[in-house]
Amino acid sequence: MEPSPDVEGKLAQDCSIESLPVVSRSLTTSGKSEKLRDTSGKLFDAACEGLHETHLAKLIIGLRTPDYGPLMPTMLATLDRAYQSEEHYQGWAWHSYGDALR
């Protein structure tokens, strides 16, 4: 099943680098968690639009260490709590971009 051009266009627009929020250093942990839930929810909904059967897609949400630093475990747990009932949610990915080399 091919996604409709409308869905592909919306995903391209919603997932462009320019549309992704910069996580403010001034936000509290709960503020960052809320922002993560809101932003990832919009992207998750756009990605799953039109997928009515659970076997059609599984999605993984990736977070970068530079965006969350020592809050990464908390943010990953936030994703698991937010999407545990979503049939298309496969889990999360921790993008560290060479942290192991330091």
PDB file of N, CA and C in Angstrom:
ATOM      1  N   MET A   1       0.837  -1.173   0.000  1.00  0.00           N
ATOM      2  CA  MET A   1       0.000   0.000   0.000  1.00  0.00           C
ATOM      3  C   MET A   1       0.886   1.240   0.000  1.00  0.00           C
ATOM      4  N   GLU A   2       0.776   2.053  -1.015  1.00  0.00           N
ATOM      5  CA  GLU A   2       1.551   3.275  -1.150  1.00  0.00           C
ATOM      6  C   GLU A   2       0.883   4.414  -0.387  1.00  0.00           C
ATOM      7  N   PRO A   3       1.657   5.236   0.322  1.00  0.00           N
ATOM      8  CA  PRO A   3       1.056   6.402   0.972  1.00  0.00           C
ATOM      9  C   PRO A   3       0.581   7.390  -0.079  1.00  0.00           C
ATOM     10  N   SER A   4      -0.466   8.098   0.224  1.00  0.00           N
ATOM     11  CA  SER A   4      -0.988   9.085  -0.714  1.00  0.00           C
ATOM     12  C   SER A   4      -0.007  10.245  -0.827  1.00  0.00           C
ATOM     13  N   PRO A   5      -0.028  10.946  -1.968  1.00  0.00           N
ATOM     14  CA  PRO A   5       0.859  12.110  -2.105  1.00  0.00           C
ATOM     15  C   PRO A   5       0.622  13.154  -1.018  1.00  0.00           C
ATOM     16  N   ASP A   6      -0.624  13.276  -0.554  1.00  0.00           N
ATOM     17  CA  ASP A   6      -0.913  14.233   0.514  1.00  0.00           C
ATOM     18  C   ASP A   6      -0.166  13.873   1.792  1.00  0.00           C
ATOM     19  N   VAL A   7      -0.165  12.581   2.141  1.00  0.00           N
ATOM     20  CA  VAL A   7       0.517  12.132   3.350  1.00  0.00           C
ATOM     21  C   VAL A   7       2.019  12.316   3.195  1.00  0.00           C
ATOM     22  N   GLU A   8       2.571  11.952   2.032  1.00  0.00           N
ATOM     23  CA  GLU A   8       4.006  12.116   1.801  1.00  0.00           C
ATOM     24  C   GLU A   8       4.411  13.585   1.895  1.00  0.00           C
ATOM     25  N   GLY A   9       3.602  14.478   1.340  1.00  0.00           N
ATOM     26  CA  GLY A   9       3.893  15.904   1.397  1.00  0.00           C
ATOM     27  C   GLY A   9       3.860  16.431   2.816  1.00  0.00           C
ATOM     28  N   LYS A  10       2.874  15.992   3.596  1.00  0.00           N
ATOM     29  CA  LYS A  10       2.750  16.431   4.986  1.00  0.00           C
ATOM     30  C   LYS A  10       3.943  15.932   5.795  1.00  0.00           C
ATOM     31  N   LEU A  11       4.330  14.679   5.578  1.00  0.00           N
ATOM     32  CA  LEU A  11       5.494  14.148   6.295  1.00  0.00           C
ATOM     33  C   LEU A  11       6.757  14.906   5.928  1.00  0.00           C
ATOM     34  N   ALA A  12       6.936  15.192   4.662  1.00  0.00           N
ATOM     35  CA  ALA A  12       8.129  15.925   4.234  1.00  0.00           C
ATOM     36  C   ALA A  12       8.166  17.301   4.878  1.00  0.00           C
ATOM     37  N   GLN A  13       7.006  17.946   4.960  1.00  0.00           N
ATOM     38  CA  GLN A  13       6.939  19.269   5.578  1.00  0.00           C
ATOM     39  C   GLN A  13       7.158  19.167   7.082  1.00  0.00           C
ATOM     40  N   ASP A  14       6.471  18.238   7.755  1.00  0.00           N
ATOM     41  CA  ASP A  14       6.560  18.113   9.206  1.00  0.00           C
ATOM     42  C   ASP A  14       7.914  17.616   9.675  1.00  0.00           C
ATOM     43  N   CYS A  15       8.603  16.844   8.844  1.00  0.00           N
ATOM     44  CA  CYS A  15       9.859  16.223   9.267  1.00  0.00           C
ATOM     45  C   CYS A  15      11.090  16.961   8.761  1.00  0.00           C
ATOM     46  N   SER A  16      10.905  18.107   8.146  1.00  0.00           N
ATOM     47  CA  SER A  16      12.063  18.840   7.674  1.00  0.00           C
ATOM     48  C   SER A  16      12.838  19.382   8.874  1.00  0.00           C
ATOM     49  N   ILE A  17      14.121  19.543   8.706  1.00  0.00           N
ATOM     50  CA  ILE A  17      14.981  20.028   9.789  1.00  0.00           C
ATOM     51  C   ILE A  17      14.488  21.376  10.304  1.00  0.00           C
ATOM     52  N   GLU A  18      14.024  22.228   9.410  1.00  0.00           N
ATOM     53  CA  GLU A  18      13.569  23.554   9.812  1.00  0.00           C
ATOM     54  C   GLU A  18      12.349  23.485  10.732  1.00  0.00           C
ATOM     55  N   SER A  19      11.538  22.414  10.621  1.00  0.00           N
ATOM     56  CA  SER A  19      10.315  22.338  11.426  1.00  0.00           C
ATOM     57  C   SER A  19      10.563  21.767  12.818  1.00  0.00           C
ATOM     58  N   LEU A  20      11.728  21.170  13.046  1.00  0.00           N
ATOM     59  CA  LEU A  20      11.994  20.554  14.338  1.00  0.00           C
ATOM     60  C   LEU A  20      12.384  21.618  15.357  1.00  0.00           C
ATOM     61  N   PRO A  21      11.827  21.525  16.557  1.00  0.00           N
ATOM     62  CA  PRO A  21      12.128  22.543  17.563  1.00  0.00           C
ATOM     63  C   PRO A  21      13.513  22.348  18.162  1.00  0.00           C
ATOM     64  N   VAL A  22      14.112  23.432  18.545  1.00  0.00           N
ATOM     65  CA  VAL A  22      15.352  23.373  19.308  1.00  0.00           C
ATOM     66  C   VAL A  22      14.935  23.309  20.769  1.00  0.00           C
ATOM     67  N   VAL A  23      15.462  22.334  21.486  1.00  0.00           N
ATOM     68  CA  VAL A  23      15.103  22.190  22.893  1.00  0.00           C
ATOM     69  C   VAL A  23      15.837  23.256  23.683  1.00  0.00           C
ATOM     70  N   SER A  24      15.077  24.086  24.296  1.00  0.00           N
ATOM     71  CA  SER A  24      15.643  25.215  25.034  1.00  0.00           C
ATOM     72  C   SER A  24      16.328  24.741  26.311  1.00  0.00           C
ATOM     73  N   ARG A  25      17.487  25.304  26.576  1.00  0.00           N
ATOM     74  CA  ARG A  25      18.198  24.964  27.801  1.00  0.00           C
ATOM     75  C   ARG A  25      17.489  25.540  29.024  1.00  0.00           C
ATOM     76  N   SER A  26      16.600  26.502  28.808  1.00  0.00           N
ATOM     77  CA  SER A  26      15.921  27.130  29.936  1.00  0.00           C
ATOM     78  C   SER A  26      14.691  26.346  30.398  1.00  0.00           C
ATOM     79  N   LEU A  27      14.272  25.332  29.653  1.00  0.00           N
ATOM     80  CA  LEU A  27      13.121  24.536  30.063  1.00  0.00           C
ATOM     81  C   LEU A  27      13.482  23.596  31.203  1.00  0.00           C
ATOM     82  N   THR A  28      12.531  23.359  32.080  1.00  0.00           N
ATOM     83  CA  THR A  28      12.718  22.367  33.134  1.00  0.00           C
ATOM     84  C   THR A  28      12.626  20.976  32.525  1.00  0.00           C
ATOM     85  N   THR A  29      12.955  19.970  33.310  1.00  0.00           N
ATOM     86  CA  THR A  29      12.839  18.590  32.826  1.00  0.00           C
ATOM     87  C   THR A  29      11.405  18.291  32.420  1.00  0.00           C
ATOM     88  N   SER A  30      10.438  18.689  33.225  1.00  0.00           N
ATOM     89  CA  SER A  30       9.040  18.427  32.875  1.00  0.00           C
ATOM     90  C   SER A  30       8.638  19.230  31.638  1.00  0.00           C
ATOM     91  N   GLY A  31       9.186  20.426  31.469  1.00  0.00           N
ATOM     92  CA  GLY A  31       8.912  21.221  30.277  1.00  0.00           C
ATOM     93  C   GLY A  31       9.467  20.559  29.027  1.00  0.00           C
ATOM     94  N   LYS A  32      10.675  20.012  29.141  1.00  0.00           N
ATOM     95  CA  LYS A  32      11.276  19.308  28.013  1.00  0.00           C
ATOM     96  C   LYS A  32      10.485  18.044  27.690  1.00  0.00           C
ATOM     97  N   SER A  33      10.023  17.339  28.713  1.00  0.00           N
ATOM     98  CA  SER A  33       9.220  16.137  28.499  1.00  0.00           C
ATOM     99  C   SER A  33       7.919  16.480  27.781  1.00  0.00           C
ATOM    100  N   GLU A  34       7.285  17.556  28.217  1.00  0.00           N
ATOM    101  CA  GLU A  34       6.026  17.975  27.588  1.00  0.00           C
ATOM    102  C   GLU A  34       6.252  18.383  26.133  1.00  0.00           C
ATOM    103  N   LYS A  35       7.321  19.129  25.883  1.00  0.00           N
ATOM    104  CA  LYS A  35       7.638  19.544  24.518  1.00  0.00           C
ATOM    105  C   LYS A  35       7.942  18.334  23.636  1.00  0.00           C
ATOM    106  N   LEU A  36       8.644  17.349  24.189  1.00  0.00           N
ATOM    107  CA  LEU A  36       8.943  16.121  23.459  1.00  0.00           C
ATOM    108  C   LEU A  36       7.656  15.381  23.111  1.00  0.00           C
ATOM    109  N   ARG A  37       6.756  15.246  24.080  1.00  0.00           N
ATOM    110  CA  ARG A  37       5.474  14.562  23.818  1.00  0.00           C
ATOM    111  C   ARG A  37       4.671  15.290  22.741  1.00  0.00           C
ATOM    112  N   ASP A  38       4.601  16.608  22.836  1.00  0.00           N
ATOM    113  CA  ASP A  38       3.820  17.386  21.867  1.00  0.00           C
ATOM    114  C   ASP A  38       4.389  17.278  20.457  1.00  0.00           C
ATOM    115  N   THR A  39       5.687  17.505  20.335  1.00  0.00           N
ATOM    116  CA  THR A  39       6.326  17.489  19.014  1.00  0.00           C
ATOM    117  C   THR A  39       6.341  16.093  18.414  1.00  0.00           C
ATOM    118  N   SER A  40       6.735  15.108  19.199  1.00  0.00           N
ATOM    119  CA  SER A  40       6.777  13.748  18.662  1.00  0.00           C
ATOM    120  C   SER A  40       5.369  13.253  18.345  1.00  0.00           C
ATOM    121  N   GLY A  41       4.375  13.697  19.120  1.00  0.00           N
ATOM    122  CA  GLY A  41       2.988  13.307  18.856  1.00  0.00           C
ATOM    123  C   GLY A  41       2.514  13.788  17.497  1.00  0.00           C
ATOM    124  N   LYS A  42       2.851  15.031  17.143  1.00  0.00           N
ATOM    125  CA  LYS A  42       2.466  15.569  15.836  1.00  0.00           C
ATOM    126  C   LYS A  42       3.122  14.777  14.708  1.00  0.00           C
ATOM    127  N   LEU A  43       4.417  14.504  14.855  1.00  0.00           N
ATOM    128  CA  LEU A  43       5.133  13.757  13.824  1.00  0.00           C
ATOM    129  C   LEU A  43       4.663  12.308  13.755  1.00  0.00           C
ATOM    130  N   PHE A  44       4.406  11.706  14.913  1.00  0.00           N
ATOM    131  CA  PHE A  44       3.927  10.321  14.962  1.00  0.00           C
ATOM    132  C   PHE A  44       2.562  10.218  14.279  1.00  0.00           C
ATOM    133  N   ASP A  45       1.670  11.142  14.590  1.00  0.00           N
ATOM    134  CA  ASP A  45       0.338  11.139  13.976  1.00  0.00           C
ATOM    135  C   ASP A  45       0.420  11.310  12.465  1.00  0.00           C
ATOM    136  N   ALA A  46       1.299  12.208  12.008  1.00  0.00           N
ATOM    137  CA  ALA A  46       1.466  12.414  10.570  1.00  0.00           C
ATOM    138  C   ALA A  46       2.008  11.157   9.900  1.00  0.00           C
ATOM    139  N   ALA A  47       2.957  10.496  10.540  1.00  0.00           N
ATOM    140  CA  ALA A  47       3.555   9.290   9.969  1.00  0.00           C
ATOM    141  C   ALA A  47       2.560   8.133   9.915  1.00  0.00           C
ATOM    142  N   CYS A  48       1.655   8.078  10.878  1.00  0.00           N
ATOM    143  CA  CYS A  48       0.698   6.967  10.951  1.00  0.00           C
ATOM    144  C   CYS A  48      -0.627   7.264  10.248  1.00  0.00           C
ATOM    145  N   GLU A  49      -0.760   8.465   9.718  1.00  0.00           N
ATOM    146  CA  GLU A  49      -2.008   8.842   9.062  1.00  0.00           C
ATOM    147  C   GLU A  49      -2.335   7.851   7.945  1.00  0.00           C
ATOM    148  N   GLY A  50      -3.526   7.294   8.001  1.00  0.00           N
ATOM    149  CA  GLY A  50      -3.980   6.356   6.978  1.00  0.00           C
ATOM    150  C   GLY A  50      -3.561   4.914   7.210  1.00  0.00           C
ATOM    151  N   LEU A  51      -2.800   4.642   8.240  1.00  0.00           N
ATOM    152  CA  LEU A  51      -2.392   3.268   8.536  1.00  0.00           C
ATOM    153  C   LEU A  51      -3.377   2.676   9.539  1.00  0.00           C
ATOM    154  N   HIS A  52      -4.280   1.877   9.043  1.00  0.00           N
ATOM    155  CA  HIS A  52      -5.330   1.348   9.907  1.00  0.00           C
ATOM    156  C   HIS A  52      -5.047  -0.068  10.385  1.00  0.00           C
ATOM    157  N   GLU A  53      -4.056  -0.710   9.800  1.00  0.00           N
ATOM    158  CA  GLU A  53      -3.705  -2.057  10.220  1.00  0.00           C
ATOM    159  C   GLU A  53      -2.341  -2.020  10.911  1.00  0.00           C
ATOM    160  N   THR A  54      -2.215  -2.760  11.989  1.00  0.00           N
ATOM    161  CA  THR A  54      -1.004  -2.684  12.799  1.00  0.00           C
ATOM    162  C   THR A  54       0.233  -3.257  12.106  1.00  0.00           C
ATOM    163  N   HIS A  55       0.052  -4.155  11.165  1.00  0.00           N
ATOM    164  CA  HIS A  55       1.219  -4.771  10.530  1.00  0.00           C
ATOM    165  C   HIS A  55       1.833  -3.901   9.433  1.00  0.00           C
ATOM    166  N   LEU A  56       1.249  -2.755   9.141  1.00  0.00           N
ATOM    167  CA  LEU A  56       1.731  -1.933   8.034  1.00  0.00           C
ATOM    168  C   LEU A  56       2.996  -1.152   8.350  1.00  0.00           C
ATOM    169  N   ALA A  57       3.193  -0.777   9.577  1.00  0.00           N
ATOM    170  CA  ALA A  57       4.383   0.021   9.903  1.00  0.00           C
ATOM    171  C   ALA A  57       4.659  -0.019  11.394  1.00  0.00           C
ATOM    172  N   LYS A  58       5.919   0.006  11.735  1.00  0.00           N
ATOM    173  CA  LYS A  58       6.373   0.180  13.112  1.00  0.00           C
ATOM    174  C   LYS A  58       7.338   1.352  13.095  1.00  0.00           C
ATOM    175  N   LEU A  59       7.168   2.268  14.021  1.00  0.00           N
ATOM    176  CA  LEU A  59       7.981   3.473  14.049  1.00  0.00           C
ATOM    177  C   LEU A  59       8.876   3.517  15.278  1.00  0.00           C
ATOM    178  N   ILE A  60      10.072   4.019  15.065  1.00  0.00           N
ATOM    179  CA  ILE A  60      11.035   4.220  16.150  1.00  0.00           C
ATOM    180  C   ILE A  60      11.339   5.717  16.196  1.00  0.00           C
ATOM    181  N   ILE A  61      11.352   6.272  17.388  1.00  0.00           N
ATOM    182  CA  ILE A  61      11.633   7.690  17.557  1.00  0.00           C
ATOM    183  C   ILE A  61      13.058   7.840  18.071  1.00  0.00           C
ATOM    184  N   GLY A  62      13.866   8.599  17.350  1.00  0.00           N
ATOM    185  CA  GLY A  62      15.259   8.792  17.726  1.00  0.00           C
ATOM    186  C   GLY A  62      15.482  10.134  18.406  1.00  0.00           C
ATOM    187  N   LEU A  63      16.284  10.119  19.464  1.00  0.00           N
ATOM    188  CA  LEU A  63      16.677  11.339  20.170  1.00  0.00           C
ATOM    189  C   LEU A  63      18.195  11.442  20.143  1.00  0.00           C
ATOM    190  N   ARG A  64      18.685  12.678  20.130  1.00  0.00           N
ATOM    191  CA  ARG A  64      20.128  12.921  20.079  1.00  0.00           C
ATOM    192  C   ARG A  64      20.660  13.340  21.446  1.00  0.00           C
ATOM    193  N   THR A  65      21.787  12.801  21.822  1.00  0.00           N
ATOM    194  CA  THR A  65      22.444  13.167  23.073  1.00  0.00           C
ATOM    195  C   THR A  65      22.676  14.677  23.183  1.00  0.00           C
ATOM    196  N   PRO A  66      23.125  15.369  22.113  1.00  0.00           N
ATOM    197  CA  PRO A  66      23.353  16.814  22.260  1.00  0.00           C
ATOM    198  C   PRO A  66      22.095  17.598  22.646  1.00  0.00           C
ATOM    199  N   ASP A  67      20.924  17.074  22.324  1.00  0.00           N
ATOM    200  CA  ASP A  67      19.682  17.786  22.649  1.00  0.00           C
ATOM    201  C   ASP A  67      19.253  17.613  24.099  1.00  0.00           C
ATOM    202  N   TYR A  68      19.584  16.475  24.711  1.00  0.00           N
ATOM    203  CA  TYR A  68      19.059  16.181  26.051  1.00  0.00           C
ATOM    204  C   TYR A  68      20.131  15.876  27.094  1.00  0.00           C
ATOM    205  N   GLY A  69      21.347  15.565  26.667  1.00  0.00           N
ATOM    206  CA  GLY A  69      22.441  15.310  27.606  1.00  0.00           C
ATOM    207  C   GLY A  69      22.077  14.308  28.686  1.00  0.00           C
ATOM    208  N   PRO A  70      22.291  14.674  29.946  1.00  0.00           N
ATOM    209  CA  PRO A  70      22.041  13.732  31.044  1.00  0.00           C
ATOM    210  C   PRO A  70      20.557  13.412  31.253  1.00  0.00           C
ATOM    211  N   LEU A  71      19.676  14.121  30.554  1.00  0.00           N
ATOM    212  CA  LEU A  71      18.240  13.845  30.672  1.00  0.00           C
ATOM    213  C   LEU A  71      17.765  12.740  29.725  1.00  0.00           C
ATOM    214  N   MET A  72      18.673  12.182  28.932  1.00  0.00           N
ATOM    215  CA  MET A  72      18.279  11.169  27.943  1.00  0.00           C
ATOM    216  C   MET A  72      17.458  10.025  28.546  1.00  0.00           C
ATOM    217  N   PRO A  73      17.878   9.388  29.638  1.00  0.00           N
ATOM    218  CA  PRO A  73      17.060   8.293  30.174  1.00  0.00           C
ATOM    219  C   PRO A  73      15.634   8.735  30.523  1.00  0.00           C
ATOM    220  N   THR A  74      15.497   9.939  31.058  1.00  0.00           N
ATOM    221  CA  THR A  74      14.171  10.463  31.390  1.00  0.00           C
ATOM    222  C   THR A  74      13.349  10.694  30.131  1.00  0.00           C
ATOM    223  N   MET A  75      13.972  11.252  29.094  1.00  0.00           N
ATOM    224  CA  MET A  75      13.246  11.532  27.848  1.00  0.00           C
ATOM    225  C   MET A  75      12.845  10.238  27.137  1.00  0.00           C
ATOM    226  N   LEU A  76      13.708   9.231  27.174  1.00  0.00           N
ATOM    227  CA  LEU A  76      13.370   7.949  26.550  1.00  0.00           C
ATOM    228  C   LEU A  76      12.219   7.278  27.292  1.00  0.00           C
ATOM    229  N   ALA A  77      12.212   7.386  28.616  1.00  0.00           N
ATOM    230  CA  ALA A  77      11.095   6.856  29.408  1.00  0.00           C
ATOM    231  C   ALA A  77       9.809   7.627  29.097  1.00  0.00           C
ATOM    232  N   THR A  78       9.931   8.919  28.832  1.00  0.00           N
ATOM    233  CA  THR A  78       8.780   9.735  28.446  1.00  0.00           C
ATOM    234  C   THR A  78       8.157   9.196  27.165  1.00  0.00           C
ATOM    235  N   LEU A  79       9.007   8.860  26.183  1.00  0.00           N
ATOM    236  CA  LEU A  79       8.496   8.294  24.936  1.00  0.00           C
ATOM    237  C   LEU A  79       7.771   6.975  25.184  1.00  0.00           C
ATOM    238  N   ASP A  80       8.377   6.110  25.980  1.00  0.00           N
ATOM    239  CA  ASP A  80       7.746   4.814  26.255  1.00  0.00           C
ATOM    240  C   ASP A  80       6.386   4.990  26.929  1.00  0.00           C
ATOM    241  N   ARG A  81       6.305   5.898  27.885  1.00  0.00           N
ATOM    242  CA  ARG A  81       5.014   6.146  28.555  1.00  0.00           C
ATOM    243  C   ARG A  81       3.984   6.728  27.590  1.00  0.00           C
ATOM    244  N   ALA A  82       4.421   7.666  26.756  1.00  0.00           N
ATOM    245  CA  ALA A  82       3.506   8.359  25.858  1.00  0.00           C
ATOM    246  C   ALA A  82       2.953   7.443  24.767  1.00  0.00           C
ATOM    247  N   TYR A  83       3.748   6.471  24.323  1.00  0.00           N
ATOM    248  CA  TYR A  83       3.356   5.659  23.167  1.00  0.00           C
ATOM    249  C   TYR A  83       3.129   4.189  23.469  1.00  0.00           C
ATOM    250  N   GLN A  84       3.111   3.812  24.735  1.00  0.00           N
ATOM    251  CA  GLN A  84       2.989   2.394  25.073  1.00  0.00           C
ATOM    252  C   GLN A  84       1.718   1.752  24.511  1.00  0.00           C
ATOM    253  N   SER A  85       0.663   2.525  24.334  1.00  0.00           N
ATOM    254  CA  SER A  85      -0.582   1.960  23.815  1.00  0.00           C
ATOM    255  C   SER A  85      -0.704   2.091  22.296  1.00  0.00           C
ATOM    256  N   GLU A  86       0.266   2.721  21.646  1.00  0.00           N
ATOM    257  CA  GLU A  86       0.230   2.894  20.190  1.00  0.00           C
ATOM    258  C   GLU A  86       0.723   1.627  19.499  1.00  0.00           C
ATOM    259  N   GLU A  87      -0.097   1.106  18.629  1.00  0.00           N
ATOM    260  CA  GLU A  87       0.244  -0.147  17.946  1.00  0.00           C
ATOM    261  C   GLU A  87       1.437   0.001  16.999  1.00  0.00           C
ATOM    262  N   HIS A  88       1.667   1.192  16.483  1.00  0.00           N
ATOM    263  CA  HIS A  88       2.748   1.401  15.527  1.00  0.00           C
ATOM    264  C   HIS A  88       4.076   1.773  16.190  1.00  0.00           C
ATOM    265  N   TYR A  89       4.069   2.011  17.491  1.00  0.00           N
ATOM    266  CA  TYR A  89       5.299   2.400  18.198  1.00  0.00           C
ATOM    267  C   TYR A  89       6.166   1.175  18.449  1.00  0.00           C
ATOM    268  N   GLN A  90       7.386   1.220  17.920  1.00  0.00           N
ATOM    269  CA  GLN A  90       8.331   0.113  18.092  1.00  0.00           C
ATOM    270  C   GLN A  90       9.309   0.381  19.228  1.00  0.00           C
ATOM    271  N   GLY A  91       9.553   1.642  19.535  1.00  0.00           N
ATOM    272  CA  GLY A  91      10.501   1.973  20.593  1.00  0.00           C
ATOM    273  C   GLY A  91      11.266   3.239  20.252  1.00  0.00           C
ATOM    274  N   TRP A  92      12.453   3.379  20.843  1.00  0.00           N
ATOM    275  CA  TRP A  92      13.252   4.577  20.654  1.00  0.00           C
ATOM    276  C   TRP A  92      14.662   4.202  20.222  1.00  0.00           C
ATOM    277  N   ALA A  93      15.368   5.201  19.705  1.00  0.00           N
ATOM    278  CA  ALA A  93      16.779   5.048  19.341  1.00  0.00           C
ATOM    279  C   ALA A  93      17.551   6.196  19.972  1.00  0.00           C
ATOM    280  N   TRP A  94      18.694   5.889  20.555  1.00  0.00           N
ATOM    281  CA  TRP A  94      19.537   6.877  21.214  1.00  0.00           C
ATOM    282  C   TRP A  94      20.694   7.182  20.269  1.00  0.00           C
ATOM    283  N   HIS A  95      20.644   8.343  19.633  1.00  0.00           N
ATOM    284  CA  HIS A  95      21.692   8.754  18.697  1.00  0.00           C
ATOM    285  C   HIS A  95      22.752   9.534  19.461  1.00  0.00           C
ATOM    286  N   SER A  96      23.923   8.922  19.618  1.00  0.00           N
ATOM    287  CA  SER A  96      24.962   9.552  20.430  1.00  0.00           C
ATOM    288  C   SER A  96      26.058  10.215  19.595  1.00  0.00           C
ATOM    289  N   TYR A  97      26.141   9.913  18.310  1.00  0.00           N
ATOM    290  CA  TYR A  97      27.107  10.557  17.420  1.00  0.00           C
ATOM    291  C   TYR A  97      28.517  10.633  17.996  1.00  0.00           C
ATOM    292  N   GLY A  98      29.066   9.488  18.325  1.00  0.00           N
ATOM    293  CA  GLY A  98      30.450   9.432  18.747  1.00  0.00           C
ATOM    294  C   GLY A  98      30.711   9.669  20.228  1.00  0.00           C
ATOM    295  N   ASP A  99      29.687   9.681  21.045  1.00  0.00           N
ATOM    296  CA  ASP A  99      29.906   9.883  22.475  1.00  0.00           C
ATOM    297  C   ASP A  99      30.853   8.827  23.057  1.00  0.00           C
ATOM    298  N   ALA A 100      30.834   7.642  22.496  1.00  0.00           N
ATOM    299  CA  ALA A 100      31.672   6.562  23.010  1.00  0.00           C
ATOM    300  C   ALA A 100      33.158   6.837  22.752  1.00  0.00           C
ATOM    301  N   LEU A 101      33.448   7.734  21.827  1.00  0.00           N
ATOM    302  CA  LEU A 101      34.853   8.036  21.503  1.00  0.00           C
ATOM    303  C   LEU A 101      35.465   9.049  22.456  1.00  0.00           C
ATOM    304  N   ARG A 102      34.657   9.668  23.267  1.00  0.00           N
ATOM    305  CA  ARG A 102      35.170  10.703  24.168  1.00  0.00           C
ATOM    306  C   ARG A 102      35.734  10.110  25.424  1.00  0.00           C
TER     307      ARG A 102
END
